[in-house]
């Protein structure tokens, strides 16, 4: 699906800047009171968001897609957007962050050949990338489309120019060359691998009881370069609690060209299984608010 690229950005830049000001100059507890009117605004004003949330929630164990669950789902997303302000301004003291399997990253970095840090639109990416900047021993470049949701991205990234400098914009024609150079210098390349573009190679996968298309790019790139892939999730647990989970998805061992496509297919499905397993535990951390399975009425 490529519907996500066609979604119009919602929100008002003045309102966003006001929320950022409130978050930075008043308490986090007071700022979080704004989450309910914001949540209700998106719930009542966007039928697509409501449908996408309900479509997803009916597929997750323990959820039914009722009104309260949809509101809770949108509220969780709003809370993570607000917390970006604190992560981007290095206010880690505001949170309790538990990090699991960090030895996966240490093992990859010890090899000295870089690697790919592969996430999804699950939880908070900023919980990870800001920890990486705080821990100077973890060189990290972020591969993303800066033009998508450009307004909110620009406003939030102004809070931490160092993070902005760590981004490789996929809209840049030289993006792949910059990524290859960064990996060769021993950096990790952080990317999200659960949204496809119209013309890119795809892998058909089974996800939450349905068939979906996932990009083949992350594992194709890893196999070509012979670098490992570490999966990660920055899970929001409510309140001020986050968990960062890591796992080795691919060890970086090169395989013959004839075996690559089959391995890309298998690794992509395993990556999807990893997402599914995490969502069965933390169902409200899924943030693809569009017709992900392509079964809209």
Protein backbone atom coordinates (compact mmCIF):
# COMPACT_ATOMS: atom_id res chain seq x y z
CA UNK A 1 0.00 0.00 0.00
CA UNK A 2 1.15 3.57 -0.70
CA UNK A 3 -1.84 5.38 0.78
CA UNK A 4 0.35 6.80 3.55
CA UNK A 5 2.22 9.00 1.04
CA UNK A 6 -1.05 10.55 -0.08
CA UNK A 7 -2.32 11.51 3.37
CA UNK A 8 -2.50 15.25 3.89
CA UNK A 9 -0.72 16.58 6.94
CA UNK A 10 -3.16 17.66 9.62
CA UNK A 11 -2.68 20.28 12.29
CA UNK A 12 -1.88 23.96 12.60
CA UNK A 13 1.73 25.18 12.91
CA UNK A 14 0.75 27.89 15.42
CA UNK A 15 -1.04 25.33 17.59
CA UNK A 16 1.93 22.96 17.35
CA UNK A 17 4.37 25.67 18.38
CA UNK A 18 2.08 26.61 21.27
CA UNK A 19 2.00 23.01 22.47
CA UNK A 20 5.79 22.84 22.26
CA UNK A 21 6.04 26.05 24.30
CA UNK A 22 3.66 24.71 26.95
CA UNK A 23 5.59 21.42 27.10
CA UNK A 24 8.93 23.18 27.58
CA UNK A 25 7.83 25.92 29.99
CA UNK A 26 5.16 24.19 32.07
CA UNK A 27 5.03 20.74 33.63
CA UNK A 28 4.67 17.54 31.62
CA UNK A 29 1.61 16.69 33.71
CA UNK A 30 -0.11 19.93 32.69
CA UNK A 31 0.90 19.45 29.06
CA UNK A 32 -0.63 15.98 29.02
CA UNK A 33 -4.05 17.48 29.83
CA UNK A 34 -4.05 18.79 26.26
CA UNK A 35 -3.90 15.24 24.93
CA UNK A 36 -7.60 14.59 25.50
CA UNK A 37 -8.97 17.48 23.41
CA UNK A 38 -6.37 16.70 20.73
CA UNK A 39 -7.39 13.04 20.75
CA UNK A 40 -11.10 13.87 20.52
CA UNK A 41 -10.44 16.34 17.70
CA UNK A 42 -8.78 13.65 15.57
CA UNK A 43 -11.39 11.06 16.56
CA UNK A 44 -14.33 13.20 15.47
CA UNK A 45 -12.72 14.97 12.50
CA UNK A 46 -11.15 12.05 10.64
CA UNK A 47 -13.22 9.07 9.51
CA UNK A 48 -10.09 7.56 7.92
CA UNK A 49 -8.23 7.59 11.24
CA UNK A 50 -11.19 6.00 13.03
CA UNK A 51 -11.55 3.32 10.37
CA UNK A 52 -7.83 2.52 10.26
CA UNK A 53 -7.68 2.22 14.04
CA UNK A 54 -10.76 -0.01 14.17
CA UNK A 55 -9.48 -2.09 11.25
CA UNK A 56 -6.24 -2.75 13.12
CA UNK A 57 -7.71 -3.24 16.61
CA UNK A 58 -10.15 -5.93 15.44
CA UNK A 59 -7.11 -7.99 14.36
CA UNK A 60 -5.22 -7.85 17.67
CA UNK A 61 -5.87 -10.35 20.42
CA UNK A 62 -7.91 -8.91 23.28
CA UNK A 63 -9.25 -5.93 21.32
CA UNK A 64 -12.59 -5.42 19.57
CA UNK A 65 -12.24 -2.03 17.89
CA UNK A 66 -14.93 -0.31 19.98
CA UNK A 67 -15.11 3.46 20.49
CA UNK A 68 -13.11 3.51 23.72
CA UNK A 69 -10.32 1.38 22.24
CA UNK A 70 -10.06 3.64 19.19
CA UNK A 71 -9.89 6.73 21.42
CA UNK A 72 -7.24 5.07 23.59
CA UNK A 73 -5.27 4.17 20.46
CA UNK A 74 -5.27 7.78 19.20
CA UNK A 75 -4.46 9.06 22.70
CA UNK A 76 -1.40 6.80 22.87
CA UNK A 77 -0.16 8.23 19.59
CA UNK A 78 -0.77 11.78 20.83
CA UNK A 79 1.17 11.05 24.02
CA UNK A 80 4.18 9.84 22.04
CA UNK A 81 4.14 12.94 19.82
CA UNK A 82 4.12 15.13 22.94
CA UNK A 83 7.00 13.16 24.47
CA UNK A 84 9.06 13.83 21.34
CA UNK A 85 9.45 17.36 22.67
CA UNK A 86 11.12 16.04 25.82
CA UNK A 87 13.25 13.44 24.05
CA UNK A 88 14.47 15.99 21.52
CA UNK A 89 15.49 18.39 24.28
CA UNK A 90 17.37 15.66 26.22
CA UNK A 91 14.97 15.62 29.17
CA UNK A 92 15.49 11.93 29.87
CA UNK A 93 15.01 12.51 33.59
CA UNK A 94 11.27 12.83 32.84
CA UNK A 95 11.08 9.12 31.94
CA UNK A 96 11.67 5.61 33.15
CA UNK A 97 13.29 3.82 30.20
CA UNK A 98 14.14 0.13 30.38
CA UNK A 99 16.49 -1.16 27.70
CA UNK A 100 16.36 -4.86 26.76
CA UNK A 101 18.97 -6.93 24.89
CA UNK A 102 21.32 -3.99 24.43
CA UNK A 103 24.09 -6.52 23.95
CA UNK A 104 22.73 -6.96 20.40
CA UNK A 105 23.91 -3.44 19.57
CA UNK A 106 27.20 -3.93 21.36
CA UNK A 107 27.84 -7.12 19.39
CA UNK A 108 27.16 -5.35 16.09
CA UNK A 109 29.30 -2.33 16.95
CA UNK A 110 32.18 -4.60 18.01
CA UNK A 111 32.34 -5.91 14.43
CA UNK A 112 33.26 -2.41 13.26
CA UNK A 113 31.43 -2.63 9.92
CA UNK A 114 28.21 -0.80 10.68
CA UNK A 115 24.74 -2.20 10.30
CA UNK A 116 21.04 -1.49 9.93
CA UNK A 117 18.77 -0.67 12.85
CA UNK A 118 15.30 -1.66 11.66
CA UNK A 119 12.13 -0.51 13.34
CA UNK A 120 8.50 0.04 12.40
CA UNK A 121 5.76 2.56 13.09
CA UNK A 122 5.40 0.92 16.49
CA UNK A 123 6.00 3.00 19.60
CA UNK A 124 8.56 5.81 19.70
CA UNK A 125 11.55 6.05 17.38
CA UNK A 126 12.80 9.08 19.31
CA UNK A 127 13.24 7.04 22.47
CA UNK A 128 15.97 5.18 20.61
CA UNK A 129 17.63 7.85 18.48
CA UNK A 130 17.90 10.34 21.35
CA UNK A 131 19.44 7.69 23.58
CA UNK A 132 21.93 7.08 20.78
CA UNK A 133 22.89 10.75 20.71
CA UNK A 134 23.15 10.87 24.50
CA UNK A 135 25.42 7.80 24.37
CA UNK A 136 28.14 9.13 22.09
CA UNK A 137 29.56 5.65 21.48
CA UNK A 138 26.62 4.76 19.22
CA UNK A 139 27.00 6.44 15.79
CA UNK A 140 23.57 6.60 14.20
CA UNK A 141 22.20 7.99 10.95
CA UNK A 142 18.47 8.12 10.30
CA UNK A 143 17.04 7.25 6.88
CA UNK A 144 13.65 8.91 6.37
CA UNK A 145 11.46 11.00 4.08
CA UNK A 146 11.66 14.47 5.62
CA UNK A 147 9.03 15.80 3.21
CA UNK A 148 6.32 13.56 4.70
CA UNK A 149 4.59 15.40 7.59
CA UNK A 150 7.12 18.15 6.92
CA UNK A 151 5.49 20.74 9.17
CA UNK A 152 5.57 18.77 12.40
CA UNK A 153 8.97 17.30 11.53
CA UNK A 154 10.44 20.76 10.97
CA UNK A 155 8.97 22.22 14.16
CA UNK A 156 10.11 19.34 16.35
CA UNK A 157 13.54 18.95 14.78
CA UNK A 158 14.23 22.63 15.42
CA UNK A 159 14.37 21.63 19.08
CA UNK A 160 17.53 19.57 18.47
CA UNK A 161 19.63 20.49 15.41
CA UNK A 162 22.07 17.66 16.18
CA UNK A 163 19.35 15.14 15.40
CA UNK A 164 18.50 17.00 12.19
CA UNK A 165 22.14 16.62 11.10
CA UNK A 166 21.90 12.87 11.67
CA UNK A 167 19.12 12.47 9.07
CA UNK A 168 19.67 11.16 5.55
CA UNK A 169 16.70 12.35 3.49
CA UNK A 170 15.46 9.59 1.16
CA UNK A 171 14.23 12.28 -1.22
CA UNK A 172 17.88 13.24 -1.81
CA UNK A 173 19.19 11.57 -5.02
CA UNK A 174 22.46 10.82 -3.22
CA UNK A 175 20.73 9.23 -0.20
CA UNK A 176 21.84 5.65 -0.94
CA UNK A 177 25.42 6.76 -1.50
CA UNK A 178 25.43 8.65 1.80
CA UNK A 179 23.99 5.61 3.54
CA UNK A 180 26.63 3.31 2.06
CA UNK A 181 29.39 5.70 3.12
CA UNK A 182 28.00 5.91 6.65
CA UNK A 183 27.89 2.12 6.98
CA UNK A 184 31.45 1.83 5.67
CA UNK A 185 32.49 4.27 8.39
CA UNK A 186 30.96 1.98 11.03
CA UNK A 187 27.68 3.79 11.60
CA UNK A 188 24.28 2.25 12.19
CA UNK A 189 21.54 3.25 9.76
CA UNK A 190 18.17 3.57 11.47
CA UNK A 191 15.09 3.07 9.32
CA UNK A 192 11.47 1.96 9.50
CA UNK A 193 10.58 -0.98 7.28
CA UNK A 194 6.79 -1.30 7.36
CA UNK A 195 5.67 1.14 4.66
CA UNK A 196 6.12 0.63 0.94
CA UNK A 197 6.50 3.07 -1.92
CA UNK A 198 4.79 2.64 -5.27
CA UNK A 199 7.77 1.55 -7.35
CA UNK A 200 9.95 -0.28 -4.84
CA UNK A 201 10.35 -4.06 -4.60
CA UNK A 202 7.96 -5.67 -2.17
CA UNK A 203 7.58 -8.89 -0.20
CA UNK A 204 4.16 -10.40 0.37
CA UNK A 205 3.77 -11.26 4.06
CA UNK A 206 1.17 -12.58 6.47
CA UNK A 207 0.43 -10.09 9.25
CA UNK A 208 -2.31 -10.22 11.88
CA UNK A 209 -4.41 -12.63 9.86
CA UNK A 210 -4.16 -10.81 6.53
CA UNK A 211 -1.86 -10.40 3.55
CA UNK A 212 0.24 -7.23 3.33
CA UNK A 213 3.14 -5.92 1.27
CA UNK A 214 6.38 -4.93 2.98
CA UNK A 215 9.44 -3.28 1.43
CA UNK A 216 12.22 -5.66 0.38
CA UNK A 217 14.80 -2.87 0.61
CA UNK A 218 16.13 -3.20 4.17
CA UNK A 219 17.15 -6.84 3.94
CA UNK A 220 18.18 -6.60 0.28
CA UNK A 221 20.56 -3.82 1.24
CA UNK A 222 21.86 -5.74 4.25
CA UNK A 223 22.60 -8.82 2.12
CA UNK A 224 24.33 -6.76 -0.57
CA UNK A 225 26.57 -5.00 1.95
CA UNK A 226 27.01 -8.01 4.23
CA UNK A 227 26.01 -6.09 7.38
CA UNK A 228 23.80 -7.21 10.28
CA UNK A 229 20.26 -6.02 10.96
CA UNK A 230 19.11 -5.26 14.50
CA UNK A 231 15.39 -4.94 15.11
CA UNK A 232 14.17 -2.45 17.69
CA UNK A 233 10.97 -1.17 19.30
CA UNK A 234 10.61 1.88 21.56
CA UNK A 235 7.44 0.80 23.34
CA UNK A 236 5.30 3.28 25.28
CA UNK A 237 3.94 1.73 28.48
CA UNK A 238 1.84 4.67 29.65
CA UNK A 239 2.62 7.52 32.03
CA UNK A 240 6.35 8.16 31.80
CA UNK A 241 7.41 4.57 31.06
CA UNK A 242 9.14 3.34 27.91
CA UNK A 243 10.87 0.11 26.95
CA UNK A 244 13.47 -0.22 24.18
CA UNK A 245 13.73 -3.77 22.80
CA UNK A 246 16.48 -5.08 20.50
CA UNK A 247 16.91 -8.35 18.60
CA UNK A 248 19.23 -9.65 15.89
CA UNK A 249 17.22 -10.12 12.66
CA UNK A 250 20.16 -10.91 10.38
CA UNK A 251 23.76 -11.66 11.34
CA UNK A 252 25.38 -10.14 8.25
CA UNK A 253 26.80 -13.38 6.84
CA UNK A 254 26.92 -13.13 3.05
CA UNK A 255 25.09 -15.72 0.94
CA UNK A 256 25.35 -16.63 -2.77
CA UNK A 257 23.42 -14.37 -5.14
CA UNK A 258 21.13 -17.26 -6.09
CA UNK A 259 19.92 -17.56 -2.49
CA UNK A 260 19.39 -13.87 -1.74
CA UNK A 261 15.78 -13.42 -2.81
CA UNK A 262 14.56 -16.43 -0.83
CA UNK A 263 16.45 -15.17 2.21
CA UNK A 264 15.06 -11.64 1.82
CA UNK A 265 11.54 -13.09 1.71
CA UNK A 266 12.13 -15.20 4.82
CA UNK A 267 13.82 -12.42 6.82
CA UNK A 268 11.06 -9.94 5.93
CA UNK A 269 8.39 -12.36 7.15
CA UNK A 270 10.35 -12.92 10.36
CA UNK A 271 10.57 -9.14 10.81
CA UNK A 272 6.78 -8.94 10.39
CA UNK A 273 6.34 -11.78 12.89
CA UNK A 274 8.46 -9.77 15.31
CA UNK A 275 6.14 -6.78 14.91
CA UNK A 276 3.08 -8.96 15.38
CA UNK A 277 4.42 -10.54 18.56
CA UNK A 278 5.18 -7.13 20.05
CA UNK A 279 1.73 -5.77 19.17
CA UNK A 280 -0.02 -8.71 20.78
CA UNK A 281 1.55 -7.53 24.03
CA UNK A 282 1.34 -3.76 23.44
CA UNK A 283 -1.60 -3.31 21.03
CA UNK A 284 -1.95 0.47 21.29
CA UNK A 285 1.59 1.11 20.00
CA UNK A 286 0.70 0.64 16.29
CA UNK A 287 0.75 3.95 14.38
CA UNK A 288 -0.11 3.28 10.74
CA UNK A 289 -3.35 5.21 10.55
CA UNK A 290 -4.33 4.27 7.02
CA UNK A 291 -5.89 1.29 5.23
CA UNK A 292 -2.91 -0.99 5.87
CA UNK A 293 -4.56 -4.23 4.71
CA UNK A 294 -6.33 -2.68 1.73
CA UNK A 295 -9.75 -3.93 2.74
CA UNK A 296 -11.59 -0.62 3.20
CA UNK A 297 -15.23 -0.70 2.20
